Amino acid sequence: MLQPTVSATASPATAATAARPAHWHRPDPVGDVLAVAWRPGAAEPREIRVRPELHGQLLAELDPDTRAVVEACHVLGHPIAVRLVVAGDLPVCPGFEVLRAGPATTAG
C-alpha cells in the first residue's frame, strides 16, 4: 500500500491531514461485481449469481432506464451484458459468484 509522504518539517496538523485520503468514494457494488467478472486474464463470464440483498443493492445503484433493462432482461453490464441470476444459497460474503466459460474445445 502506498503511504503518503510528509515533509519532516510539517506541523502535526499538516502531517495528519496528509496521512488521510483526501476523498472517499461512495461504494460502487455494480462496478465491483463487474470488475471481478471481467478480471484481466480470467475466462469470459457467462453468469453472475448474486444473493437477493446484493441484487437489491445493485438495482438501487442503477439509473431508472438501466434498472428497467436489468429487471426485464436479467443481464448486467455494458457494452457486453452478462446474465444475472438471484441465488439465495450463496454465502453472505462476498454475496456473489461469477460462473465462467469453460475452455474452448475444437471439433475433431
PDB file of N, CA and C in Angstrom:
ATOM      1  N   MET A   1       0.843  -1.177   0.000  1.00  0.00           N
ATOM      2  CA  MET A   1       0.000   0.000   0.000  1.00  0.00           C
ATOM      3  C   MET A   1       0.885   1.236   0.000  1.00  0.00           C
ATOM      4  N   LEU A   2       0.575   2.186  -0.825  1.00  0.00           N
ATOM      5  CA  LEU A   2       1.349   3.412  -0.895  1.00  0.00           C
ATOM      6  C   LEU A   2       1.050   4.287   0.305  1.00  0.00           C
ATOM      7  N   GLN A   3       2.084   4.839   0.884  1.00  0.00           N
ATOM      8  CA  GLN A   3       1.928   5.739   2.010  1.00  0.00           C
ATOM      9  C   GLN A   3       2.220   7.154   1.538  1.00  0.00           C
ATOM     10  N   PRO A   4       1.420   8.122   1.981  1.00  0.00           N
ATOM     11  CA  PRO A   4       1.698   9.499   1.585  1.00  0.00           C
ATOM     12  C   PRO A   4       3.014   9.960   2.205  1.00  0.00           C
ATOM     13  N   THR A   5       3.711  10.802   1.497  1.00  0.00           N
ATOM     14  CA  THR A   5       4.948  11.352   2.040  1.00  0.00           C
ATOM     15  C   THR A   5       4.636  12.678   2.712  1.00  0.00           C
ATOM     16  N   VAL A   6       5.236  12.880   3.852  1.00  0.00           N
ATOM     17  CA  VAL A   6       5.017  14.099   4.620  1.00  0.00           C
ATOM     18  C   VAL A   6       6.382  14.704   4.906  1.00  0.00           C
ATOM     19  N   SER A   7       6.503  15.978   4.708  1.00  0.00           N
ATOM     20  CA  SER A   7       7.753  16.687   4.968  1.00  0.00           C
ATOM     21  C   SER A   7       8.138  16.550   6.434  1.00  0.00           C
ATOM     22  N   ALA A   8       9.438  16.427   6.684  1.00  0.00           N
ATOM     23  CA  ALA A   8       9.928  16.327   8.059  1.00  0.00           C
ATOM     24  C   ALA A   8       9.648  17.597   8.845  1.00  0.00           C
ATOM     25  N   THR A   9       9.455  18.707   8.159  1.00  0.00           N
ATOM     26  CA  THR A   9       9.206  19.979   8.842  1.00  0.00           C
ATOM     27  C   THR A   9       7.720  20.311   8.917  1.00  0.00           C
ATOM     28  N   ALA A  10       6.861  19.411   8.490  1.00  0.00           N
ATOM     29  CA  ALA A  10       5.420  19.680   8.501  1.00  0.00           C
ATOM     30  C   ALA A  10       4.904  19.702   9.928  1.00  0.00           C
ATOM     31  N   SER A  11       3.914  20.545  10.181  1.00  0.00           N
ATOM     32  CA  SER A  11       3.304  20.599  11.504  1.00  0.00           C
ATOM     33  C   SER A  11       2.494  19.325  11.727  1.00  0.00           C
ATOM     34  N   PRO A  12       2.200  18.970  12.991  1.00  0.00           N
ATOM     35  CA  PRO A  12       1.401  17.772  13.247  1.00  0.00           C
ATOM     36  C   PRO A  12       0.040  17.810  12.556  1.00  0.00           C
ATOM     37  N   ALA A  13      -0.589  18.972  12.494  1.00  0.00           N
ATOM     38  CA  ALA A  13      -1.890  19.074  11.826  1.00  0.00           C
ATOM     39  C   ALA A  13      -1.757  18.797  10.336  1.00  0.00           C
ATOM     40  N   THR A  14      -0.712  19.344   9.718  1.00  0.00           N
ATOM     41  CA  THR A  14      -0.484  19.110   8.295  1.00  0.00           C
ATOM     42  C   THR A  14      -0.162  17.645   8.046  1.00  0.00           C
ATOM     43  N   ALA A  15       0.652  17.054   8.914  1.00  0.00           N
ATOM     44  CA  ALA A  15       1.015  15.647   8.761  1.00  0.00           C
ATOM     45  C   ALA A  15      -0.214  14.754   8.882  1.00  0.00           C
ATOM     46  N   ALA A  16      -1.103  15.050   9.828  1.00  0.00           N
ATOM     47  CA  ALA A  16      -2.308  14.238   9.997  1.00  0.00           C
ATOM     48  C   ALA A  16      -3.213  14.348   8.778  1.00  0.00           C
ATOM     49  N   THR A  17      -3.348  15.550   8.239  1.00  0.00           N
ATOM     50  CA  THR A  17      -4.178  15.745   7.053  1.00  0.00           C
ATOM     51  C   THR A  17      -3.581  15.027   5.854  1.00  0.00           C
ATOM     52  N   ALA A  18      -2.273  15.083   5.693  1.00  0.00           N
ATOM     53  CA  ALA A  18      -1.614  14.445   4.555  1.00  0.00           C
ATOM     54  C   ALA A  18      -1.690  12.928   4.643  1.00  0.00           C
ATOM     55  N   ALA A  19      -1.788  12.378   5.851  1.00  0.00           N
ATOM     56  CA  ALA A  19      -1.827  10.929   6.023  1.00  0.00           C
ATOM     57  C   ALA A  19      -3.192  10.341   5.687  1.00  0.00           C
ATOM     58  N   ARG A  20      -4.217  11.153   5.655  1.00  0.00           N
ATOM     59  CA  ARG A  20      -5.565  10.675   5.331  1.00  0.00           C
ATOM     60  C   ARG A  20      -5.844  10.872   3.857  1.00  0.00           C
ATOM     61  N   PRO A  21      -6.604   9.961   3.263  1.00  0.00           N
ATOM     62  CA  PRO A  21      -7.021  10.195   1.877  1.00  0.00           C
ATOM     63  C   PRO A  21      -7.853  11.471   1.801  1.00  0.00           C
ATOM     64  N   ALA A  22      -7.698  12.213   0.725  1.00  0.00           N
ATOM     65  CA  ALA A  22      -8.410  13.478   0.577  1.00  0.00           C
ATOM     66  C   ALA A  22      -9.892  13.267   0.316  1.00  0.00           C
ATOM     67  N   HIS A  23     -10.252  12.132  -0.275  1.00  0.00           N
ATOM     68  CA  HIS A  23     -11.648  11.919  -0.636  1.00  0.00           C
ATOM     69  C   HIS A  23     -11.964  10.431  -0.607  1.00  0.00           C
ATOM     70  N   TRP A  24     -13.089  10.100  -0.044  1.00  0.00           N
ATOM     71  CA  TRP A  24     -13.561   8.713  -0.060  1.00  0.00           C
ATOM     72  C   TRP A  24     -14.671   8.621  -1.084  1.00  0.00           C
ATOM     73  N   HIS A  25     -14.558   7.688  -1.991  1.00  0.00           N
ATOM     74  CA  HIS A  25     -15.608   7.489  -2.978  1.00  0.00           C
ATOM     75  C   HIS A  25     -16.712   6.647  -2.357  1.00  0.00           C
ATOM     76  N   ARG A  26     -17.944   6.884  -2.794  1.00  0.00           N
ATOM     77  CA  ARG A  26     -19.039   6.070  -2.283  1.00  0.00           C
ATOM     78  C   ARG A  26     -18.917   4.665  -2.860  1.00  0.00           C
ATOM     79  N   PRO A  27     -19.458   3.675  -2.178  1.00  0.00           N
ATOM     80  CA  PRO A  27     -19.368   2.299  -2.667  1.00  0.00           C
ATOM     81  C   PRO A  27     -19.972   2.163  -4.065  1.00  0.00           C
ATOM     82  N   ASP A  28     -19.422   1.267  -4.841  1.00  0.00           N
ATOM     83  CA  ASP A  28     -19.889   1.011  -6.202  1.00  0.00           C
ATOM     84  C   ASP A  28     -20.062  -0.496  -6.382  1.00  0.00           C
ATOM     85  N   PRO A  29     -21.144  -1.067  -5.831  1.00  0.00           N
ATOM     86  CA  PRO A  29     -21.303  -2.519  -5.925  1.00  0.00           C
ATOM     87  C   PRO A  29     -21.390  -3.023  -7.362  1.00  0.00           C
ATOM     88  N   VAL A  30     -22.021  -2.277  -8.245  1.00  0.00           N
ATOM     89  CA  VAL A  30     -22.116  -2.699  -9.649  1.00  0.00           C
ATOM     90  C   VAL A  30     -20.716  -2.755 -10.257  1.00  0.00           C
ATOM     91  N   GLY A  31     -19.947  -1.703 -10.072  1.00  0.00           N
ATOM     92  CA  GLY A  31     -18.586  -1.667 -10.599  1.00  0.00           C
ATOM     93  C   GLY A  31     -17.704  -2.751 -10.005  1.00  0.00           C
ATOM     94  N   ASP A  32     -17.868  -3.021  -8.705  1.00  0.00           N
ATOM     95  CA  ASP A  32     -17.069  -4.056  -8.050  1.00  0.00           C
ATOM     96  C   ASP A  32     -17.377  -5.439  -8.615  1.00  0.00           C
ATOM     97  N   VAL A  33     -18.660  -5.750  -8.769  1.00  0.00           N
ATOM     98  CA  VAL A  33     -19.056  -7.059  -9.306  1.00  0.00           C
ATOM     99  C   VAL A  33     -18.571  -7.208 -10.745  1.00  0.00           C
ATOM    100  N   LEU A  34     -18.752  -6.170 -11.552  1.00  0.00           N
ATOM    101  CA  LEU A  34     -18.310  -6.249 -12.948  1.00  0.00           C
ATOM    102  C   LEU A  34     -16.783  -6.316 -13.049  1.00  0.00           C
ATOM    103  N   ALA A  35     -16.070  -5.673 -12.136  1.00  0.00           N
ATOM    104  CA  ALA A  35     -14.604  -5.750 -12.148  1.00  0.00           C
ATOM    105  C   ALA A  35     -14.135  -7.179 -11.896  1.00  0.00           C
ATOM    106  N   VAL A  36     -14.796  -7.875 -10.994  1.00  0.00           N
ATOM    107  CA  VAL A  36     -14.452  -9.279 -10.746  1.00  0.00           C
ATOM    108  C   VAL A  36     -14.828 -10.127 -11.956  1.00  0.00           C
ATOM    109  N   ALA A  37     -15.998  -9.867 -12.521  1.00  0.00           N
ATOM    110  CA  ALA A  37     -16.454 -10.654 -13.676  1.00  0.00           C
ATOM    111  C   ALA A  37     -15.514 -10.514 -14.861  1.00  0.00           C
ATOM    112  N   TRP A  38     -15.020  -9.318 -15.101  1.00  0.00           N
ATOM    113  CA  TRP A  38     -14.173  -9.058 -16.274  1.00  0.00           C
ATOM    114  C   TRP A  38     -12.703  -8.918 -15.886  1.00  0.00           C
ATOM    115  N   ARG A  39     -12.292  -9.601 -14.825  1.00  0.00           N
ATOM    116  CA  ARG A  39     -10.904  -9.544 -14.368  1.00  0.00           C
ATOM    117  C   ARG A  39      -9.945  -9.939 -15.498  1.00  0.00           C
ATOM    118  N   PRO A  40      -8.911  -9.153 -15.741  1.00  0.00           N
ATOM    119  CA  PRO A  40      -7.957  -9.484 -16.807  1.00  0.00           C
ATOM    120  C   PRO A  40      -7.335 -10.865 -16.582  1.00  0.00           C
ATOM    121  N   GLY A  41      -7.239 -11.622 -17.641  1.00  0.00           N
ATOM    122  CA  GLY A  41      -6.634 -12.944 -17.574  1.00  0.00           C
ATOM    123  C   GLY A  41      -7.596 -14.059 -17.216  1.00  0.00           C
ATOM    124  N   ALA A  42      -8.803 -13.715 -16.781  1.00  0.00           N
ATOM    125  CA  ALA A  42      -9.789 -14.735 -16.417  1.00  0.00           C
ATOM    126  C   ALA A  42     -10.636 -15.085 -17.632  1.00  0.00           C
ATOM    127  N   ALA A  43     -11.225 -16.266 -17.598  1.00  0.00           N
ATOM    128  CA  ALA A  43     -12.120 -16.672 -18.679  1.00  0.00           C
ATOM    129  C   ALA A  43     -13.329 -15.745 -18.718  1.00  0.00           C
ATOM    130  N   GLU A  44     -13.957 -15.668 -19.864  1.00  0.00           N
ATOM    131  CA  GLU A  44     -15.114 -14.791 -20.047  1.00  0.00           C
ATOM    132  C   GLU A  44     -16.250 -15.203 -19.106  1.00  0.00           C
ATOM    133  N   PRO A  45     -16.885 -14.221 -18.452  1.00  0.00           N
ATOM    134  CA  PRO A  45     -18.006 -14.561 -17.569  1.00  0.00           C
ATOM    135  C   PRO A  45     -19.226 -14.977 -18.392  1.00  0.00           C
ATOM    136  N   ARG A  46     -19.935 -16.000 -17.927  1.00  0.00           N
ATOM    137  CA  ARG A  46     -21.167 -16.382 -18.615  1.00  0.00           C
ATOM    138  C   ARG A  46     -22.389 -16.148 -17.730  1.00  0.00           C
ATOM    139  N   GLU A  47     -22.159 -16.001 -16.409  1.00  0.00           N
ATOM    140  CA  GLU A  47     -23.274 -15.756 -15.494  1.00  0.00           C
ATOM    141  C   GLU A  47     -22.729 -15.179 -14.193  1.00  0.00           C
ATOM    142  N   ILE A  48     -23.464 -14.207 -13.649  1.00  0.00           N
ATOM    143  CA  ILE A  48     -23.156 -13.654 -12.335  1.00  0.00           C
ATOM    144  C   ILE A  48     -24.314 -14.035 -11.430  1.00  0.00           C
ATOM    145  N   ARG A  49     -24.011 -14.750 -10.349  1.00  0.00           N
ATOM    146  CA  ARG A  49     -25.027 -15.148  -9.377  1.00  0.00           C
ATOM    147  C   ARG A  49     -24.858 -14.260  -8.150  1.00  0.00           C
ATOM    148  N   VAL A  50     -25.969 -13.679  -7.669  1.00  0.00           N
ATOM    149  CA  VAL A  50     -25.917 -12.762  -6.526  1.00  0.00           C
ATOM    150  C   VAL A  50     -26.987 -13.124  -5.505  1.00  0.00           C
ATOM    151  N   ARG A  51     -26.697 -12.837  -4.251  1.00  0.00           N
ATOM    152  CA  ARG A  51     -27.697 -13.012  -3.191  1.00  0.00           C
ATOM    153  C   ARG A  51     -28.801 -11.967  -3.375  1.00  0.00           C
ATOM    154  N   PRO A  52     -30.007 -12.243  -2.872  1.00  0.00           N
ATOM    155  CA  PRO A  52     -31.123 -11.301  -3.043  1.00  0.00           C
ATOM    156  C   PRO A  52     -30.829  -9.899  -2.510  1.00  0.00           C
ATOM    157  N   GLU A  53     -30.167  -9.795  -1.357  1.00  0.00           N
ATOM    158  CA  GLU A  53     -29.901  -8.458  -0.805  1.00  0.00           C
ATOM    159  C   GLU A  53     -28.884  -7.694  -1.656  1.00  0.00           C
ATOM    160  N   LEU A  54     -27.913  -8.388  -2.231  1.00  0.00           N
ATOM    161  CA  LEU A  54     -26.967  -7.726  -3.125  1.00  0.00           C
ATOM    162  C   LEU A  54     -27.667  -7.322  -4.419  1.00  0.00           C
ATOM    163  N   HIS A  55     -28.577  -8.147  -4.879  1.00  0.00           N
ATOM    164  CA  HIS A  55     -29.353  -7.804  -6.082  1.00  0.00           C
ATOM    165  C   HIS A  55     -30.090  -6.486  -5.852  1.00  0.00           C
ATOM    166  N   GLY A  56     -30.693  -6.345  -4.681  1.00  0.00           N
ATOM    167  CA  GLY A  56     -31.375  -5.093  -4.348  1.00  0.00           C
ATOM    168  C   GLY A  56     -30.432  -3.903  -4.325  1.00  0.00           C
ATOM    169  N   GLN A  57     -29.222  -4.095  -3.788  1.00  0.00           N
ATOM    170  CA  GLN A  57     -28.230  -3.011  -3.762  1.00  0.00           C
ATOM    171  C   GLN A  57     -27.787  -2.640  -5.173  1.00  0.00           C
ATOM    172  N   LEU A  58     -27.605  -3.654  -6.018  1.00  0.00           N
ATOM    173  CA  LEU A  58     -27.202  -3.383  -7.401  1.00  0.00           C
ATOM    174  C   LEU A  58     -28.271  -2.561  -8.111  1.00  0.00           C
ATOM    175  N   LEU A  59     -29.525  -2.971  -7.966  1.00  0.00           N
ATOM    176  CA  LEU A  59     -30.618  -2.244  -8.621  1.00  0.00           C
ATOM    177  C   LEU A  59     -30.721  -0.814  -8.105  1.00  0.00           C
ATOM    178  N   ALA A  60     -30.511  -0.632  -6.802  1.00  0.00           N
ATOM    179  CA  ALA A  60     -30.621   0.706  -6.205  1.00  0.00           C
ATOM    180  C   ALA A  60     -29.567   1.666  -6.754  1.00  0.00           C
ATOM    181  N   GLU A  61     -28.431   1.152  -7.202  1.00  0.00           N
ATOM    182  CA  GLU A  61     -27.353   1.996  -7.719  1.00  0.00           C
ATOM    183  C   GLU A  61     -27.556   2.401  -9.176  1.00  0.00           C
ATOM    184  N   LEU A  62     -28.461   1.751  -9.876  1.00  0.00           N
ATOM    185  CA  LEU A  62     -28.637   1.988 -11.312  1.00  0.00           C
ATOM    186  C   LEU A  62     -29.619   3.118 -11.582  1.00  0.00           C
ATOM    187  N   ASP A  63     -29.426   3.793 -12.711  1.00  0.00           N
ATOM    188  CA  ASP A  63     -30.406   4.798 -13.117  1.00  0.00           C
ATOM    189  C   ASP A  63     -31.681   4.063 -13.548  1.00  0.00           C
ATOM    190  N   PRO A  64     -32.828   4.736 -13.568  1.00  0.00           N
ATOM    191  CA  PRO A  64     -34.102   4.064 -13.854  1.00  0.00           C
ATOM    192  C   PRO A  64     -34.136   3.292 -15.174  1.00  0.00           C
ATOM    193  N   ASP A  65     -33.563   3.830 -16.233  1.00  0.00           N
ATOM    194  CA  ASP A  65     -33.588   3.131 -17.523  1.00  0.00           C
ATOM    195  C   ASP A  65     -32.767   1.847 -17.480  1.00  0.00           C
ATOM    196  N   THR A  66     -31.580   1.926 -16.907  1.00  0.00           N
ATOM    197  CA  THR A  66     -30.727   0.739 -16.800  1.00  0.00           C
ATOM    198  C   THR A  66     -31.360  -0.284 -15.877  1.00  0.00           C
ATOM    199  N   ARG A  67     -31.949   0.180 -14.766  1.00  0.00           N
ATOM    200  CA  ARG A  67     -32.618  -0.722 -13.833  1.00  0.00           C
ATOM    201  C   ARG A  67     -33.731  -1.490 -14.532  1.00  0.00           C
ATOM    202  N   ALA A  68     -34.500  -0.806 -15.372  1.00  0.00           N
ATOM    203  CA  ALA A  68     -35.591  -1.466 -16.099  1.00  0.00           C
ATOM    204  C   ALA A  68     -35.056  -2.565 -17.011  1.00  0.00           C
ATOM    205  N   VAL A  69     -33.935  -2.313 -17.674  1.00  0.00           N
ATOM    206  CA  VAL A  69     -33.334  -3.329 -18.554  1.00  0.00           C
ATOM    207  C   VAL A  69     -32.852  -4.521 -17.735  1.00  0.00           C
ATOM    208  N   VAL A  70     -32.186  -4.255 -16.612  1.00  0.00           N
ATOM    209  CA  VAL A  70     -31.681  -5.339 -15.763  1.00  0.00           C
ATOM    210  C   VAL A  70     -32.839  -6.184 -15.248  1.00  0.00           C
ATOM    211  N   GLU A  71     -33.908  -5.543 -14.805  1.00  0.00           N
ATOM    212  CA  GLU A  71     -35.056  -6.285 -14.278  1.00  0.00           C
ATOM    213  C   GLU A  71     -35.778  -7.067 -15.367  1.00  0.00           C
ATOM    214  N   ALA A  72     -35.891  -6.509 -16.555  1.00  0.00           N
ATOM    215  CA  ALA A  72     -36.622  -7.175 -17.637  1.00  0.00           C
ATOM    216  C   ALA A  72     -35.807  -8.281 -18.303  1.00  0.00           C
ATOM    217  N   CYS A  73     -34.515  -8.035 -18.502  1.00  0.00           N
ATOM    218  CA  CYS A  73     -33.685  -8.970 -19.280  1.00  0.00           C
ATOM    219  C   CYS A  73     -32.773  -9.835 -18.420  1.00  0.00           C
ATOM    220  N   HIS A  74     -32.644  -9.518 -17.135  1.00  0.00           N
ATOM    221  CA  HIS A  74     -31.780 -10.271 -16.215  1.00  0.00           C
ATOM    222  C   HIS A  74     -30.337 -10.324 -16.707  1.00  0.00           C
ATOM    223  N   VAL A  75     -29.827  -9.177 -17.133  1.00  0.00           N
ATOM    224  CA  VAL A  75     -28.431  -9.048 -17.556  1.00  0.00           C
ATOM    225  C   VAL A  75     -27.840  -7.799 -16.908  1.00  0.00           C
ATOM    226  N   LEU A  76     -26.511  -7.798 -16.757  1.00  0.00           N
ATOM    227  CA  LEU A  76     -25.818  -6.672 -16.143  1.00  0.00           C
ATOM    228  C   LEU A  76     -24.559  -6.388 -16.939  1.00  0.00           C
ATOM    229  N   GLY A  77     -24.304  -5.117 -17.199  1.00  0.00           N
ATOM    230  CA  GLY A  77     -23.074  -4.724 -17.875  1.00  0.00           C
ATOM    231  C   GLY A  77     -23.319  -4.119 -19.236  1.00  0.00           C
ATOM    232  N   HIS A  78     -22.342  -3.301 -19.642  1.00  0.00           N
ATOM    233  CA  HIS A  78     -22.410  -2.638 -20.937  1.00  0.00           C
ATOM    234  C   HIS A  78     -20.980  -2.416 -21.407  1.00  0.00           C
ATOM    235  N   PRO A  79     -20.605  -2.637 -22.597  1.00  0.00           N
ATOM    236  CA  PRO A  79     -21.411  -2.985 -23.765  1.00  0.00           C
ATOM    237  C   PRO A  79     -21.713  -4.476 -23.870  1.00  0.00           C
ATOM    238  N   ILE A  80     -21.008  -5.314 -23.104  1.00  0.00           N
ATOM    239  CA  ILE A  80     -21.287  -6.752 -23.142  1.00  0.00           C
ATOM    240  C   ILE A  80     -22.010  -7.120 -21.856  1.00  0.00           C
ATOM    241  N   ALA A  81     -23.263  -7.515 -21.982  1.00  0.00           N
ATOM    242  CA  ALA A  81     -24.070  -7.853 -20.817  1.00  0.00           C
ATOM    243  C   ALA A  81     -23.833  -9.309 -20.419  1.00  0.00           C
ATOM    244  N   VAL A  82     -23.868  -9.551 -19.113  1.00  0.00           N
ATOM    245  CA  VAL A  82     -23.696 -10.889 -18.556  1.00  0.00           C
ATOM    246  C   VAL A  82     -24.993 -11.255 -17.849  1.00  0.00           C
ATOM    247  N   ARG A  83     -25.414 -12.499 -18.007  1.00  0.00           N
ATOM    248  CA  ARG A  83     -26.639 -12.973 -17.362  1.00  0.00           C
ATOM    249  C   ARG A  83     -26.521 -12.788 -15.849  1.00  0.00           C
ATOM    250  N   LEU A  84     -27.588 -12.283 -15.225  1.00  0.00           N
ATOM    251  CA  LEU A  84     -27.625 -12.023 -13.789  1.00  0.00           C
ATOM    252  C   LEU A  84     -28.700 -12.900 -13.164  1.00  0.00           C
ATOM    253  N   VAL A  85     -28.311 -13.709 -12.182  1.00  0.00           N
ATOM    254  CA  VAL A  85     -29.222 -14.658 -11.544  1.00  0.00           C
ATOM    255  C   VAL A  85     -29.225 -14.401 -10.041  1.00  0.00           C
ATOM    256  N   VAL A  86     -30.409 -14.356  -9.437  1.00  0.00           N
ATOM    257  CA  VAL A  86     -30.528 -14.214  -7.988  1.00  0.00           C
ATOM    258  C   VAL A  86     -30.483 -15.610  -7.380  1.00  0.00           C
ATOM    259  N   ALA A  87     -29.567 -15.813  -6.429  1.00  0.00           N
ATOM    260  CA  ALA A  87     -29.376 -17.125  -5.809  1.00  0.00           C
ATOM    261  C   ALA A  87     -29.204 -16.952  -4.304  1.00  0.00           C
ATOM    262  N   GLY A  88     -30.229 -17.308  -3.554  1.00  0.00           N
ATOM    263  CA  GLY A  88     -30.194 -17.158  -2.103  1.00  0.00           C
ATOM    264  C   GLY A  88     -29.301 -18.153  -1.393  1.00  0.00           C
ATOM    265  N   ASP A  89     -28.797 -19.161  -2.110  1.00  0.00           N
ATOM    266  CA  ASP A  89     -27.969 -20.186  -1.477  1.00  0.00           C
ATOM    267  C   ASP A  89     -26.482 -19.824  -1.418  1.00  0.00           C
ATOM    268  N   LEU A  90     -26.120 -18.659  -1.912  1.00  0.00           N
ATOM    269  CA  LEU A  90     -24.718 -18.234  -1.886  1.00  0.00           C
ATOM    270  C   LEU A  90     -24.320 -17.770  -0.488  1.00  0.00           C
ATOM    271  N   PRO A  91     -23.034 -17.859  -0.148  1.00  0.00           N
ATOM    272  CA  PRO A  91     -22.585 -17.334   1.144  1.00  0.00           C
ATOM    273  C   PRO A  91     -22.821 -15.820   1.227  1.00  0.00           C
ATOM    274  N   VAL A  92     -23.020 -15.337   2.430  1.00  0.00           N
ATOM    275  CA  VAL A  92     -23.266 -13.910   2.637  1.00  0.00           C
ATOM    276  C   VAL A  92     -22.083 -13.074   2.146  1.00  0.00           C
ATOM    277  N   CYS A  93     -20.887 -13.564   2.356  1.00  0.00           N
ATOM    278  CA  CYS A  93     -19.701 -12.835   1.916  1.00  0.00           C
ATOM    279  C   CYS A  93     -18.947 -13.682   0.897  1.00  0.00           C
ATOM    280  N   PRO A  94     -18.724 -13.219  -0.291  1.00  0.00           N
ATOM    281  CA  PRO A  94     -18.922 -11.871  -0.791  1.00  0.00           C
ATOM    282  C   PRO A  94     -20.339 -11.611  -1.297  1.00  0.00           C
ATOM    283  N   GLY A  95     -21.189 -12.628  -1.359  1.00  0.00           N
ATOM    284  CA  GLY A  95     -22.566 -12.418  -1.798  1.00  0.00           C
ATOM    285  C   GLY A  95     -22.786 -12.601  -3.282  1.00  0.00           C
ATOM    286  N   PHE A  96     -21.738 -12.988  -3.998  1.00  0.00           N
ATOM    287  CA  PHE A  96     -21.895 -13.237  -5.431  1.00  0.00           C
ATOM    288  C   PHE A  96     -20.812 -14.196  -5.896  1.00  0.00           C
ATOM    289  N   GLU A  97     -21.047 -14.786  -7.064  1.00  0.00           N
ATOM    290  CA  GLU A  97     -20.027 -15.602  -7.709  1.00  0.00           C
ATOM    291  C   GLU A  97     -20.156 -15.420  -9.209  1.00  0.00           C
ATOM    292  N   VAL A  98     -19.058 -15.615  -9.886  1.00  0.00           N
ATOM    293  CA  VAL A  98     -19.030 -15.479 -11.339  1.00  0.00           C
ATOM    294  C   VAL A  98     -18.791 -16.858 -11.927  1.00  0.00           C
ATOM    295  N   LEU A  99     -19.722 -17.312 -12.755  1.00  0.00           N
ATOM    296  CA  LEU A  99     -19.532 -18.563 -13.480  1.00  0.00           C
ATOM    297  C   LEU A  99     -18.902 -18.198 -14.809  1.00  0.00           C
ATOM    298  N   ARG A 100     -17.844 -18.891 -15.143  1.00  0.00           N
ATOM    299  CA  ARG A 100     -17.077 -18.543 -16.334  1.00  0.00           C
ATOM    300  C   ARG A 100     -17.223 -19.589 -17.425  1.00  0.00           C
ATOM    301  N   ALA A 101     -16.964 -19.156 -18.649  1.00  0.00           N
ATOM    302  CA  ALA A 101     -16.989 -20.055 -19.791  1.00  0.00           C
ATOM    303  C   ALA A 101     -15.876 -21.081 -19.621  1.00  0.00           C
ATOM    304  N   GLY A 102     -16.161 -22.301 -20.057  1.00  0.00           N
ATOM    305  CA  GLY A 102     -15.151 -23.352 -19.994  1.00  0.00           C
ATOM    306  C   GLY A 102     -14.104 -23.151 -21.070  1.00  0.00           C
ATOM    307  N   PRO A 103     -13.057 -23.965 -21.028  1.00  0.00           N
ATOM    308  CA  PRO A 103     -12.023 -23.845 -22.056  1.00  0.00           C
ATOM    309  C   PRO A 103     -12.585 -24.168 -23.434  1.00  0.00           C
ATOM    310  N   ALA A 104     -12.063 -23.493 -24.424  1.00  0.00           N
ATOM    311  CA  ALA A 104     -12.522 -23.716 -25.802  1.00  0.00           C
ATOM    312  C   ALA A 104     -12.142 -25.124 -26.241  1.00  0.00           C
ATOM    313  N   THR A 105     -13.058 -25.767 -26.939  1.00  0.00           N
ATOM    314  CA  THR A 105     -12.783 -27.099 -27.466  1.00  0.00           C
ATOM    315  C   THR A 105     -12.852 -27.038 -28.981  1.00  0.00           C
ATOM    316  N   THR A 106     -12.125 -27.901 -29.607  1.00  0.00           N
ATOM    317  CA  THR A 106     -12.141 -27.946 -31.065  1.00  0.00           C
ATOM    318  C   THR A 106     -12.824 -29.218 -31.519  1.00  0.00           C
ATOM    319  N   ALA A 107     -13.570 -29.120 -32.600  1.00  0.00           N
ATOM    320  CA  ALA A 107     -14.239 -30.298 -33.151  1.00  0.00           C
ATOM    321  C   ALA A 107     -13.184 -31.181 -33.796  1.00  0.00           C
ATOM    322  N   GLY A 108     -13.262 -32.454 -33.523  1.00  0.00           N
ATOM    323  CA  GLY A 108     -12.206 -33.300 -34.033  1.00  0.00           C
ATOM    324  C   GLY A 108     -12.710 -34.339 -34.874  1.00  0.00           C
TER     325      GLY A 108
END
